[in-house]
């Protein structure tokens, strides 16, 4: 363990449960994520209605009541818990990242840890003082743990000229996390990560600044400012993401710069390279007035991207720097390619109708599109092959009604097949393995498009470990088919793994660093979009692999 900060007077996130925790819940499933399996039997997490835990929310080290004497050693009583402020795992010292249910806490001694760390925790409750980990420290081989944290200031969203705002910075797992803080002295950071920079990024660097670098900063602040830089677009591009950070003093700035550079040296020495799935490439210059505010996009082939925006549908030829306008200038909300029928379906116009457009139009040729008259106020579309790939189906959702069409080569290019009724307004829809999956508030349902089986709710009513989803009224983001026996259901605050009947299949849950606006899947990677970044997860190992710092991605 490299204990970098023993001598530093620093600010520590909550290491104990908050007394106003959101929820606690039963979790008795014995299954585990394949990536997190251990030789020991998994701990059993129990549940009962939440009781207030009388411990301070923010502590400067230590683990609640771990020092209390006990007449006889007992086992921990772990309960899955939602923390309201950034909280470190008492076992591995890493942050418990997530919006809800980030970890578990012992109801007796307040020992808090990741669900996957619970069976590695010291078995005796309360934990003996000599078995508690120091509040800070990092494993240099794996990069696990928290190295440093402190209060800083970052520029306001409109820039340094408008001033600085408070933030909490945490260096954890070779990432720099920033959490927004209000201006009041008693204000605590929320669990939503406002920005994260991976130190394994090949373009990562940290340095002090010159007056010429920060022309709008106050002169007295300049000795206290440092800059953290990482790649934002492809390495060949000049685009890099830089964050200016204002420390309390020049000594504090020197600590930050020295520490980040030392950690960067350690990870390079240990060859802890960045794992990245996607390398963003600029498809077109966003300063061009032709295309403003993209609403949706679809990859046509390795050279072309279809883009829908306020003014209509465009095709961007990435290698030729060419932009083709397709059809009229109606606003396009969603694009769905149907390559097997040489069509694309779009939701467009003021009344959000579905239109079928021949793919020849993407080359700039004059073609006729087909408007599906009964699809007014469409919210979502999904298409895919059914009946052993002999038929292509297009599903269209209007509120809670879903119309399924056969897409064919006839004059109108479509035929009405059947209608379905979802339990609530449709928030997401996808055709997976020839079956329709529909997401709505607090749930997902699977439908057979042949009508030969009854719909299956993918949150089994008898599985009480999933009861928190309707209790917290979570929105549906998307569903991912892991195998023919397992699904990942993504909600606005969390992702849960279930079997084909909707019973929990893994004890561990997938955590989002910030509130997501959308999610999409390209096996085996799930991309989750939020205000400041796209986070990429491997759905099999449940690892958070990459963060792409792009703003307001749709």
Protein backbone atom coordinates (compact mmCIF):
# COMPACT_ATOMS: atom_id res chain seq x y z
CA UNK A 1 0.00 0.00 0.00
CA UNK A 2 1.30 3.44 -0.90
CA UNK A 3 -0.02 5.69 1.85
CA UNK A 4 0.55 8.99 0.12
CA UNK A 5 -1.30 11.28 2.45
CA UNK A 6 -0.47 10.28 6.04
CA UNK A 7 0.85 13.75 6.82
CA UNK A 8 -1.71 15.76 4.90
CA UNK A 9 -4.54 17.53 6.61
CA UNK A 10 -7.29 16.64 4.20
CA UNK A 11 -11.03 16.48 3.79
CA UNK A 12 -12.52 13.00 3.99
CA UNK A 13 -15.81 11.92 2.44
CA UNK A 14 -18.30 10.20 4.64
CA UNK A 15 -17.04 6.84 5.85
CA UNK A 16 -20.19 6.07 7.79
CA UNK A 17 -23.84 5.67 6.91
CA UNK A 18 -25.85 8.86 6.63
CA UNK A 19 -28.67 9.10 9.10
CA UNK A 20 -31.06 10.23 6.38
CA UNK A 21 -30.37 7.34 4.07
CA UNK A 22 -32.72 6.77 1.19
CA UNK A 23 -33.39 3.09 1.40
CA UNK A 24 -32.30 -0.29 2.66
CA UNK A 25 -33.29 -3.50 1.06
CA UNK A 26 -33.18 -7.28 1.34
CA UNK A 27 -30.59 -8.97 -0.80
CA UNK A 28 -30.36 -12.70 -0.18
CA UNK A 29 -29.31 -13.79 -3.65
CA UNK A 30 -26.17 -15.94 -3.49
CA UNK A 31 -25.10 -15.32 -7.08
CA UNK A 32 -22.16 -13.06 -7.87
CA UNK A 33 -20.72 -11.21 -10.77
CA UNK A 34 -18.22 -13.47 -12.58
CA UNK A 35 -15.62 -10.70 -12.41
CA UNK A 36 -15.94 -10.33 -8.67
CA UNK A 37 -16.06 -13.97 -7.61
CA UNK A 38 -14.00 -14.98 -4.56
CA UNK A 39 -13.10 -18.25 -2.90
CA UNK A 40 -15.18 -17.48 0.16
CA UNK A 41 -18.93 -17.89 0.40
CA UNK A 42 -20.68 -14.60 -0.38
CA UNK A 43 -21.98 -12.73 2.62
CA UNK A 44 -25.73 -12.73 3.14
CA UNK A 45 -27.19 -9.24 3.15
CA UNK A 46 -30.33 -8.79 5.18
CA UNK A 47 -33.11 -6.28 4.94
CA UNK A 48 -35.75 -4.66 7.03
CA UNK A 49 -37.34 -1.20 7.08
CA UNK A 50 -34.83 1.61 7.38
CA UNK A 51 -33.93 2.82 10.88
CA UNK A 52 -32.02 6.04 11.45
CA UNK A 53 -28.35 5.43 12.17
CA UNK A 54 -27.10 8.02 14.65
CA UNK A 55 -23.71 8.71 13.16
CA UNK A 56 -22.34 11.89 11.61
CA UNK A 57 -22.55 12.11 7.84
CA UNK A 58 -19.02 13.44 7.33
CA UNK A 59 -16.07 12.10 9.30
CA UNK A 60 -12.37 12.76 9.24
CA UNK A 61 -11.32 9.10 9.28
CA UNK A 62 -12.18 6.11 11.45
CA UNK A 63 -15.15 3.84 11.06
CA UNK A 64 -18.02 4.88 13.27
CA UNK A 65 -18.36 2.69 16.31
CA UNK A 66 -15.66 0.17 15.36
CA UNK A 67 -13.80 0.86 18.59
CA UNK A 68 -16.68 -0.04 20.93
CA UNK A 69 -16.01 -2.95 23.24
CA UNK A 70 -18.28 -5.93 22.86
CA UNK A 71 -18.75 -8.77 25.32
CA UNK A 72 -18.50 -11.39 22.58
CA UNK A 73 -17.56 -11.18 18.85
CA UNK A 74 -20.53 -11.30 16.50
CA UNK A 75 -21.02 -11.44 12.73
CA UNK A 76 -21.80 -8.23 10.85
CA UNK A 77 -25.41 -7.41 10.07
CA UNK A 78 -24.97 -5.96 6.58
CA UNK A 79 -27.81 -4.07 4.94
CA UNK A 80 -27.75 -2.70 1.37
CA UNK A 81 -27.79 1.06 1.70
CA UNK A 82 -28.09 4.30 -0.27
CA UNK A 83 -25.53 6.91 0.76
CA UNK A 84 -26.29 10.61 0.28
CA UNK A 85 -22.70 11.86 0.09
CA UNK A 86 -19.53 10.42 -1.53
CA UNK A 87 -18.56 7.54 0.74
CA UNK A 88 -15.46 5.35 0.79
CA UNK A 89 -15.45 1.58 1.23
CA UNK A 90 -13.94 0.72 4.61
CA UNK A 91 -12.48 -2.45 3.10
CA UNK A 92 -10.73 -1.33 -0.13
CA UNK A 93 -10.82 2.50 0.51
CA UNK A 94 -12.23 3.16 -3.00
CA UNK A 95 -15.25 5.41 -3.46
CA UNK A 96 -18.59 3.65 -3.57
CA UNK A 97 -19.67 5.25 -6.85
CA UNK A 98 -23.37 5.26 -7.72
CA UNK A 99 -26.65 7.12 -7.28
CA UNK A 100 -28.44 4.66 -4.97
CA UNK A 101 -27.60 1.36 -3.17
CA UNK A 102 -23.88 2.03 -3.58
CA UNK A 103 -22.84 -0.43 -0.86
CA UNK A 104 -23.80 -2.03 2.41
CA UNK A 105 -23.39 -1.04 6.06
CA UNK A 106 -23.31 -3.09 9.24
CA UNK A 107 -26.25 -2.05 11.40
CA UNK A 108 -24.26 -2.64 14.58
CA UNK A 109 -20.80 -1.15 13.97
CA UNK A 110 -21.44 0.99 10.84
CA UNK A 111 -18.67 -0.73 8.83
CA UNK A 112 -19.52 0.34 5.25
CA UNK A 113 -18.25 -1.35 2.10
CA UNK A 114 -19.01 -2.36 -1.47
CA UNK A 115 -21.39 -5.32 -1.78
CA UNK A 116 -18.49 -7.21 -3.39
CA UNK A 117 -16.18 -6.35 -0.46
CA UNK A 118 -18.61 -7.57 2.23
CA UNK A 119 -17.28 -11.14 2.26
CA UNK A 120 -13.68 -9.86 2.52
CA UNK A 121 -14.40 -7.59 5.52
CA UNK A 122 -13.00 -8.54 8.95
CA UNK A 123 -15.43 -11.17 10.20
CA UNK A 124 -15.70 -9.83 13.76
CA UNK A 125 -18.24 -7.14 14.65
CA UNK A 126 -17.27 -4.58 15.77
CA UNK A 127 -14.07 -4.59 13.71
CA UNK A 128 -10.98 -4.64 15.99
CA UNK A 129 -8.98 -1.40 15.78
CA UNK A 130 -5.88 -3.19 14.47
CA UNK A 131 -7.83 -4.59 11.51
CA UNK A 132 -9.21 -1.30 10.23
CA UNK A 133 -7.61 0.14 7.13
CA UNK A 134 -6.19 3.63 7.16
CA UNK A 135 -8.53 6.20 5.64
CA UNK A 136 -6.29 6.68 2.61
CA UNK A 137 -4.01 4.48 0.55
CA UNK A 138 -3.75 2.97 -2.89
CA UNK A 139 -2.73 -0.43 -4.21
CA UNK A 140 -0.10 0.51 -6.83
CA UNK A 141 -0.41 -2.78 -8.73
CA UNK A 142 -4.16 -2.60 -9.30
CA UNK A 143 -4.77 1.09 -8.68
CA UNK A 144 -7.54 0.33 -6.18
CA UNK A 145 -8.07 2.79 -3.35
CA UNK A 146 -8.25 6.49 -2.51
CA UNK A 147 -4.99 8.45 -2.59
CA UNK A 148 -6.10 11.98 -1.74
CA UNK A 149 -9.13 14.20 -1.44
CA UNK A 150 -9.78 17.83 -0.68
CA UNK A 151 -11.90 20.91 -1.20
CA UNK A 152 -11.06 22.94 -4.30
CA UNK A 153 -12.73 25.38 -6.67
CA UNK A 154 -13.45 24.92 -10.38
CA UNK A 155 -14.56 27.52 -12.95
CA UNK A 156 -18.29 28.23 -13.16
CA UNK A 157 -19.95 26.68 -16.25
CA UNK A 158 -19.70 30.00 -18.09
CA UNK A 159 -15.94 30.27 -17.46
CA UNK A 160 -13.34 31.71 -15.10
CA UNK A 161 -14.48 35.26 -15.93
CA UNK A 162 -17.73 34.57 -14.04
CA UNK A 163 -15.86 33.21 -11.03
CA UNK A 164 -15.25 29.89 -9.29
CA UNK A 165 -17.50 27.37 -7.55
CA UNK A 166 -16.69 24.94 -4.75
CA UNK A 167 -16.05 21.28 -5.48
CA UNK A 168 -14.78 18.20 -3.73
CA UNK A 169 -11.93 16.44 -5.53
CA UNK A 170 -11.07 12.79 -4.86
CA UNK A 171 -8.19 10.85 -6.40
CA UNK A 172 -9.39 7.25 -6.41
CA UNK A 173 -8.69 4.17 -8.56
CA UNK A 174 -6.31 6.30 -10.69
CA UNK A 175 -9.18 8.63 -11.55
CA UNK A 176 -9.78 12.23 -10.52
CA UNK A 177 -13.40 12.66 -9.39
CA UNK A 178 -15.01 16.09 -9.01
CA UNK A 179 -18.24 16.59 -7.03
CA UNK A 180 -20.09 19.92 -6.99
CA UNK A 181 -20.57 21.67 -3.65
CA UNK A 182 -22.89 24.50 -2.71
CA UNK A 183 -21.49 27.70 -1.21
CA UNK A 184 -22.68 27.20 2.39
CA UNK A 185 -20.03 25.98 4.85
CA UNK A 186 -22.21 23.10 6.00
CA UNK A 187 -23.05 22.05 2.43
CA UNK A 188 -22.18 18.48 1.55
CA UNK A 189 -21.46 17.13 -1.93
CA UNK A 190 -24.07 14.96 -3.61
CA UNK A 191 -23.23 11.48 -4.90
CA UNK A 192 -23.49 12.66 -8.53
CA UNK A 193 -20.03 12.84 -10.12
CA UNK A 194 -19.81 16.11 -12.06
CA UNK A 195 -16.57 15.17 -13.82
CA UNK A 196 -14.11 12.28 -13.92
CA UNK A 197 -10.69 12.13 -15.58
CA UNK A 198 -8.87 8.83 -16.02
CA UNK A 199 -5.17 9.21 -15.17
CA UNK A 200 -4.38 6.26 -17.46
CA UNK A 201 -5.32 8.43 -20.43
CA UNK A 202 -2.21 8.72 -22.63
CA UNK A 203 -2.73 12.48 -22.86
CA UNK A 204 -3.08 12.92 -19.08
CA UNK A 205 -0.93 15.68 -17.57
CA UNK A 206 -1.01 18.06 -14.62
CA UNK A 207 0.83 21.36 -14.26
CA UNK A 208 0.75 24.81 -12.72
CA UNK A 209 -0.34 27.73 -14.92
CA UNK A 210 1.03 31.06 -16.11
CA UNK A 211 -0.86 34.33 -16.03
CA UNK A 212 -1.16 34.10 -19.84
CA UNK A 213 -2.99 30.74 -19.49
CA UNK A 214 -5.74 32.18 -17.30
CA UNK A 215 -6.22 35.76 -18.43
CA UNK A 216 -9.57 36.12 -16.65
CA UNK A 217 -8.35 34.86 -13.26
CA UNK A 218 -7.53 37.19 -10.39
CA UNK A 219 -3.78 37.81 -10.08
CA UNK A 220 -3.69 36.62 -6.46
CA UNK A 221 -5.29 33.29 -7.49
CA UNK A 222 -2.74 32.40 -10.20
CA UNK A 223 -0.15 30.78 -7.83
CA UNK A 224 -2.96 28.54 -6.49
CA UNK A 225 -4.27 27.30 -9.88
CA UNK A 226 -3.27 24.06 -11.60
CA UNK A 227 -4.45 22.46 -14.81
CA UNK A 228 -5.41 18.82 -15.46
CA UNK A 229 -5.45 17.79 -19.13
CA UNK A 230 -6.71 14.63 -20.86
CA UNK A 231 -7.70 13.66 -24.40
CA UNK A 232 -11.25 14.45 -25.47
CA UNK A 233 -11.27 13.55 -29.14
CA UNK A 234 -8.83 11.35 -31.09
CA UNK A 235 -5.11 11.73 -30.25
CA UNK A 236 -4.50 13.09 -33.78
CA UNK A 237 -6.91 15.93 -33.05
CA UNK A 238 -5.90 19.11 -31.28
CA UNK A 239 -8.91 18.74 -28.99
CA UNK A 240 -8.06 18.03 -25.37
CA UNK A 241 -10.12 18.43 -22.25
CA UNK A 242 -8.52 20.74 -19.69
CA UNK A 243 -9.86 21.50 -16.25
CA UNK A 244 -8.58 24.42 -14.21
CA UNK A 245 -8.58 23.81 -10.45
CA UNK A 246 -8.07 26.45 -7.78
CA UNK A 247 -6.54 25.22 -4.52
CA UNK A 248 -6.73 27.08 -1.19
CA UNK A 249 -3.04 28.06 -1.28
CA UNK A 250 0.07 27.65 -3.40
CA UNK A 251 1.30 24.98 -0.93
CA UNK A 252 -1.94 23.05 -1.41
CA UNK A 253 -1.60 23.42 -5.19
CA UNK A 254 1.96 22.03 -5.00
CA UNK A 255 0.63 19.04 -3.02
CA UNK A 256 -1.99 18.31 -5.70
CA UNK A 257 0.44 18.69 -8.61
CA UNK A 258 3.11 16.60 -6.86
CA UNK A 259 0.69 13.87 -5.87
CA UNK A 260 -0.99 13.56 -9.27
CA UNK A 261 2.38 13.47 -11.05
CA UNK A 262 3.68 10.84 -8.61
CA UNK A 263 0.61 8.65 -9.10
CA UNK A 264 0.93 9.07 -12.86
CA UNK A 265 4.57 7.92 -12.59
CA UNK A 266 3.52 4.87 -10.53
CA UNK A 267 0.82 3.77 -12.98
CA UNK A 268 3.20 4.16 -15.94
CA UNK A 269 5.87 2.19 -14.08
CA UNK A 270 3.34 -0.57 -13.38
CA UNK A 271 2.12 -0.41 -17.00
CA UNK A 272 -1.49 0.28 -15.96
CA UNK A 273 -2.63 1.36 -19.41
CA UNK A 274 -5.94 2.96 -20.18
CA UNK A 275 -8.56 0.51 -21.39
CA UNK A 276 -10.69 2.20 -23.96
CA UNK A 277 -13.41 0.88 -26.20
CA UNK A 278 -14.21 3.93 -28.30
CA UNK A 279 -11.99 6.62 -29.78
CA UNK A 280 -14.23 9.59 -30.63
CA UNK A 281 -13.70 11.10 -34.07
CA UNK A 282 -15.07 14.43 -35.24
CA UNK A 283 -17.66 13.69 -37.96
CA UNK A 284 -18.10 17.33 -38.93
CA UNK A 285 -17.09 20.75 -37.66
CA UNK A 286 -19.72 21.65 -35.08
CA UNK A 287 -19.22 25.37 -35.75
CA UNK A 288 -20.78 24.94 -39.22
CA UNK A 289 -24.18 26.68 -39.32
CA UNK A 290 -25.76 23.97 -41.50
CA UNK A 291 -26.35 21.47 -38.71
CA UNK A 292 -27.42 22.66 -35.29
CA UNK A 293 -28.49 20.65 -32.26
CA UNK A 294 -28.49 17.03 -33.39
CA UNK A 295 -31.47 15.06 -32.02
CA UNK A 296 -30.53 11.57 -33.18
CA UNK A 297 -28.02 9.64 -35.27
CA UNK A 298 -27.42 6.21 -36.81
CA UNK A 299 -24.31 4.66 -38.36
CA UNK A 300 -25.07 3.68 -41.97
CA UNK A 301 -21.66 2.15 -42.80
CA UNK A 302 -17.98 2.78 -42.04
CA UNK A 303 -18.05 6.04 -44.03
CA UNK A 304 -21.52 7.51 -43.46
CA UNK A 305 -23.62 8.68 -40.53
CA UNK A 306 -27.32 9.65 -40.66
CA UNK A 307 -28.08 12.65 -38.48
CA UNK A 308 -31.49 14.01 -37.49
CA UNK A 309 -31.94 17.54 -36.18
CA UNK A 310 -34.32 20.50 -36.02
CA UNK A 311 -34.05 21.11 -39.78
CA UNK A 312 -34.40 17.53 -41.06
CA UNK A 313 -32.37 14.45 -42.00
CA UNK A 314 -28.75 14.64 -43.17
CA UNK A 315 -26.10 12.15 -44.25
CA UNK A 316 -22.53 13.00 -43.28
CA UNK A 317 -19.82 11.35 -45.38
CA UNK A 318 -16.98 11.26 -42.87
CA UNK A 319 -14.13 10.49 -45.31
CA UNK A 320 -15.24 12.98 -47.99
CA UNK A 321 -16.30 15.86 -45.73
CA UNK A 322 -19.62 15.85 -47.59
CA UNK A 323 -23.10 16.55 -46.19
CA UNK A 324 -26.26 15.46 -48.06
CA UNK A 325 -29.74 16.66 -47.12
CA UNK A 326 -32.44 13.98 -47.33
CA UNK A 327 -36.11 14.84 -47.94
CA UNK A 328 -38.01 17.79 -46.51
CA UNK A 329 -37.02 19.96 -43.58
CA UNK A 330 -39.13 18.34 -40.87
CA UNK A 331 -37.56 17.90 -37.43
CA UNK A 332 -36.23 14.33 -36.94
CA UNK A 333 -36.46 12.81 -33.43
CA UNK A 334 -35.29 9.22 -33.99
CA UNK A 335 -33.66 7.20 -36.78
CA UNK A 336 -33.87 3.41 -37.08
CA UNK A 337 -32.07 1.61 -39.91
CA UNK A 338 -33.81 -1.41 -41.50
CA UNK A 339 -30.98 -2.63 -43.79
CA UNK A 340 -32.58 -5.98 -44.69
CA UNK A 341 -35.45 -4.07 -46.36
CA UNK A 342 -33.25 -1.20 -47.63
CA UNK A 343 -35.23 1.31 -45.59
CA UNK A 344 -34.84 3.61 -42.68
CA UNK A 345 -37.66 4.56 -40.32
CA UNK A 346 -37.73 8.01 -38.75
CA UNK A 347 -39.96 9.82 -36.28
CA UNK A 348 -40.35 13.31 -37.72
CA UNK A 349 -42.49 16.41 -38.10
CA UNK A 350 -44.52 18.47 -35.68
CA UNK A 351 -46.93 15.56 -35.12
CA UNK A 352 -44.15 12.97 -34.67
CA UNK A 353 -45.31 10.58 -37.42
CA UNK A 354 -43.24 7.58 -38.53
CA UNK A 355 -41.96 7.73 -42.11
CA UNK A 356 -40.28 4.95 -44.12
CA UNK A 357 -37.50 6.27 -46.38
CA UNK A 358 -35.73 4.13 -49.04
CA UNK A 359 -31.96 3.94 -48.48
CA UNK A 360 -31.37 5.28 -52.04
CA UNK A 361 -32.37 8.67 -50.62
CA UNK A 362 -29.18 8.60 -48.53
CA UNK A 363 -27.18 9.03 -51.75
CA UNK A 364 -29.15 12.17 -52.59
CA UNK A 365 -31.52 10.46 -55.06
CA UNK A 366 -35.15 11.57 -55.32
CA UNK A 367 -37.40 8.97 -53.67
CA UNK A 368 -40.83 8.81 -52.09
CA UNK A 369 -41.20 8.23 -48.37
CA UNK A 370 -44.22 6.49 -46.83
CA UNK A 371 -45.97 8.15 -43.89
CA UNK A 372 -47.66 5.75 -41.44
CA UNK A 373 -50.86 7.72 -40.81
CA UNK A 374 -51.88 6.00 -37.57
CA UNK A 375 -48.56 6.75 -35.84
CA UNK A 376 -49.26 10.35 -34.76
CA UNK A 377 -47.43 11.35 -31.54
CA UNK A 378 -45.07 8.38 -31.76
CA UNK A 379 -42.59 8.19 -28.87
CA UNK A 380 -40.31 5.32 -29.88
CA UNK A 381 -39.64 2.87 -32.71
CA UNK A 382 -37.75 -0.43 -32.86
CA UNK A 383 -37.21 -2.90 -35.69
CA UNK A 384 -35.66 -6.29 -36.27
CA UNK A 385 -36.05 -9.72 -37.85
CA UNK A 386 -38.55 -12.27 -36.52
CA UNK A 387 -39.69 -15.80 -37.53
CA UNK A 388 -36.16 -17.10 -38.18
CA UNK A 389 -35.22 -13.95 -40.11
CA UNK A 390 -37.98 -14.53 -42.67
CA UNK A 391 -39.84 -11.36 -41.68
CA UNK A 392 -38.89 -7.83 -40.61
CA UNK A 393 -40.98 -6.21 -37.91
CA UNK A 394 -41.29 -2.50 -37.05
CA UNK A 395 -42.83 -1.63 -33.68
CA UNK A 396 -44.19 1.86 -33.04
CA UNK A 397 -45.14 3.16 -29.56
CA UNK A 398 -47.72 5.90 -28.90
CA UNK A 399 -48.11 6.41 -25.13
CA UNK A 400 -48.88 2.86 -23.91
CA UNK A 401 -50.14 1.52 -27.27
CA UNK A 402 -47.73 -0.39 -29.54
CA UNK A 403 -48.50 -1.13 -33.20
CA UNK A 404 -46.45 -3.88 -34.86
CA UNK A 405 -45.98 -3.78 -38.64
CA UNK A 406 -44.52 -6.24 -41.10
CA UNK A 407 -42.07 -4.34 -43.31
CA UNK A 408 -42.16 -5.69 -46.87
CA UNK A 409 -41.44 -4.87 -50.53
CA UNK A 410 -45.06 -3.97 -51.36
CA UNK A 411 -46.15 -0.54 -52.55
CA UNK A 412 -46.81 0.86 -49.06
CA UNK A 413 -43.79 -1.04 -47.66
CA UNK A 414 -45.71 -2.07 -44.53
CA UNK A 415 -48.61 -4.21 -43.28
CA UNK A 416 -50.38 -3.95 -39.93
CA UNK A 417 -49.67 -7.12 -37.89
CA UNK A 418 -51.00 -6.61 -34.37
CA UNK A 419 -51.40 -4.19 -31.47
CA UNK A 420 -50.09 -4.53 -27.93
CA UNK A 421 -50.89 -2.64 -24.74
CA UNK A 422 -48.00 -1.80 -22.39
CA UNK A 423 -48.67 -1.45 -18.63
CA UNK A 424 -47.72 2.27 -18.80
CA UNK A 425 -46.35 4.88 -21.20
CA UNK A 426 -43.47 3.39 -23.19
CA UNK A 427 -40.05 4.85 -22.31
CA UNK A 428 -37.87 2.41 -24.27
CA UNK A 429 -38.43 -0.41 -26.76
CA UNK A 430 -36.15 -3.01 -28.37
CA UNK A 431 -36.41 -6.19 -30.46
CA UNK A 432 -34.04 -8.78 -28.99
CA UNK A 433 -33.90 -12.35 -30.33
CA UNK A 434 -37.22 -11.86 -32.17
CA UNK A 435 -39.06 -10.79 -29.01
CA UNK A 436 -40.18 -7.29 -28.08
CA UNK A 437 -38.89 -5.80 -24.83
CA UNK A 438 -40.71 -2.72 -23.55
CA UNK A 439 -39.50 -0.42 -20.78
CA UNK A 440 -41.82 1.88 -18.82
CA UNK A 441 -41.87 3.54 -15.38
CA UNK A 442 -40.46 1.01 -12.86
CA UNK A 443 -40.59 -2.00 -15.16
CA UNK A 444 -39.91 -4.00 -18.31
CA UNK A 445 -42.14 -6.54 -20.07
CA UNK A 446 -41.28 -9.11 -22.76
CA UNK A 447 -43.80 -9.82 -25.55
CA UNK A 448 -43.98 -12.57 -28.12
CA UNK A 449 -44.74 -11.06 -31.53
CA UNK A 450 -46.38 -14.32 -32.63
CA UNK A 451 -48.97 -13.97 -29.86
CA UNK A 452 -48.29 -17.55 -28.75
CA UNK A 453 -47.24 -16.74 -25.16
CA UNK A 454 -48.44 -14.33 -22.49
CA UNK A 455 -46.33 -11.23 -21.73
CA UNK A 456 -43.68 -11.72 -19.02
CA UNK A 457 -42.92 -9.00 -16.44
CA UNK A 458 -39.14 -8.87 -16.06
CA UNK A 459 -39.37 -7.77 -12.42
CA UNK A 460 -40.80 -10.91 -10.84
CA UNK A 461 -43.48 -9.93 -8.28
CA UNK A 462 -42.20 -12.56 -5.82
CA UNK A 463 -38.58 -11.35 -5.88
CA UNK A 464 -38.53 -8.88 -2.97
CA UNK A 465 -34.89 -7.91 -3.70
CA UNK A 466 -36.23 -5.93 -6.70
CA UNK A 467 -39.06 -4.21 -4.80
CA UNK A 468 -37.00 -1.02 -4.44
CA UNK A 469 -37.48 -0.28 -8.18
CA UNK A 470 -41.25 0.41 -8.04
CA UNK A 471 -40.83 1.91 -4.55
CA UNK A 472 -38.40 4.51 -5.95
CA UNK A 473 -40.40 4.94 -9.19
CA UNK A 474 -37.34 4.57 -11.45
CA UNK A 475 -37.57 5.32 -15.18
CA UNK A 476 -36.59 2.65 -17.75
CA UNK A 477 -33.44 3.31 -19.83
CA UNK A 478 -32.93 0.09 -21.81
CA UNK A 479 -32.70 -3.70 -21.59
CA UNK A 480 -29.68 -5.74 -22.67
CA UNK A 481 -29.69 -9.45 -23.50
CA UNK A 482 -26.58 -10.96 -21.87
CA UNK A 483 -27.49 -14.53 -22.91
CA UNK A 484 -30.66 -16.53 -23.48
CA UNK A 485 -30.81 -16.94 -19.69
CA UNK A 486 -29.88 -13.47 -18.43
CA UNK A 487 -30.84 -9.82 -18.99
CA UNK A 488 -29.55 -6.49 -17.74
CA UNK A 489 -32.36 -4.04 -16.97
CA UNK A 490 -31.13 -0.44 -16.92
CA UNK A 491 -33.10 2.10 -14.92
CA UNK A 492 -32.50 5.80 -14.27
CA UNK A 493 -30.58 5.16 -11.04
CA UNK A 494 -29.19 1.63 -11.35
CA UNK A 495 -28.83 -1.52 -13.48
CA UNK A 496 -30.01 -4.96 -12.26
CA UNK A 497 -29.40 -8.43 -13.68
CA UNK A 498 -32.33 -10.84 -13.93
CA UNK A 499 -33.02 -14.27 -15.40
CA UNK A 500 -35.54 -14.91 -18.18
CA UNK A 501 -38.39 -14.98 -15.62
CA UNK A 502 -37.42 -11.66 -14.01
CA UNK A 503 -35.73 -13.02 -10.87
CA UNK A 504 -32.44 -11.48 -9.73
CA UNK A 505 -29.46 -13.34 -11.23
CA UNK A 506 -26.57 -11.34 -9.69
CA UNK A 507 -26.19 -9.85 -6.25
CA UNK A 508 -24.06 -6.98 -7.57
CA UNK A 509 -25.76 -4.09 -9.37
CA UNK A 510 -24.47 -1.73 -12.06
CA UNK A 511 -23.80 1.81 -10.77
CA UNK A 512 -24.04 5.05 -12.77
CA UNK A 513 -21.61 7.85 -11.79
CA UNK A 514 -24.17 10.54 -12.78
CA UNK A 515 -27.85 10.74 -13.72
CA UNK A 516 -28.19 9.22 -17.21
CA UNK A 517 -30.16 10.74 -20.07
CA UNK A 518 -29.95 7.66 -22.33
CA UNK A 519 -28.13 4.36 -22.83
CA UNK A 520 -27.26 2.24 -25.85
CA UNK A 521 -25.64 -1.15 -26.35
CA UNK A 522 -23.11 -2.69 -28.73
CA UNK A 523 -22.07 -6.08 -27.36
CA UNK A 524 -20.52 -6.38 -24.85
CA UNK A 525 -20.40 -2.65 -24.09
CA UNK A 526 -23.12 -0.46 -22.60
CA UNK A 527 -22.71 3.30 -23.17
CA UNK A 528 -24.52 5.49 -20.64
CA UNK A 529 -24.95 9.18 -21.53
CA UNK A 530 -25.08 11.93 -18.92
CA UNK A 531 -24.70 15.71 -18.77
CA UNK A 532 -20.88 15.75 -18.87
CA UNK A 533 -19.76 12.37 -20.21
CA UNK A 534 -20.42 9.00 -21.80
CA UNK A 535 -19.53 6.13 -19.44
CA UNK A 536 -18.80 2.72 -20.97
CA UNK A 537 -19.36 -0.55 -19.07
CA UNK A 538 -18.60 -4.19 -19.91
CA UNK A 539 -21.94 -5.87 -19.15
CA UNK A 540 -20.37 -9.29 -18.57
CA UNK A 541 -17.67 -8.31 -16.06
CA UNK A 542 -19.62 -5.25 -14.81
CA UNK A 543 -16.46 -3.14 -15.11
CA UNK A 544 -16.60 0.60 -15.71
CA UNK A 545 -14.12 0.69 -18.59
CA UNK A 546 -14.07 4.19 -20.04
CA UNK A 547 -15.31 7.74 -19.61
CA UNK A 548 -15.53 9.99 -22.68
CA UNK A 549 -15.74 13.63 -21.51
CA UNK A 550 -18.23 14.94 -24.07
CA UNK A 551 -20.93 17.38 -22.96
CA UNK A 552 -24.68 16.93 -23.43
CA UNK A 553 -24.46 13.80 -25.58
CA UNK A 554 -27.85 12.73 -26.96
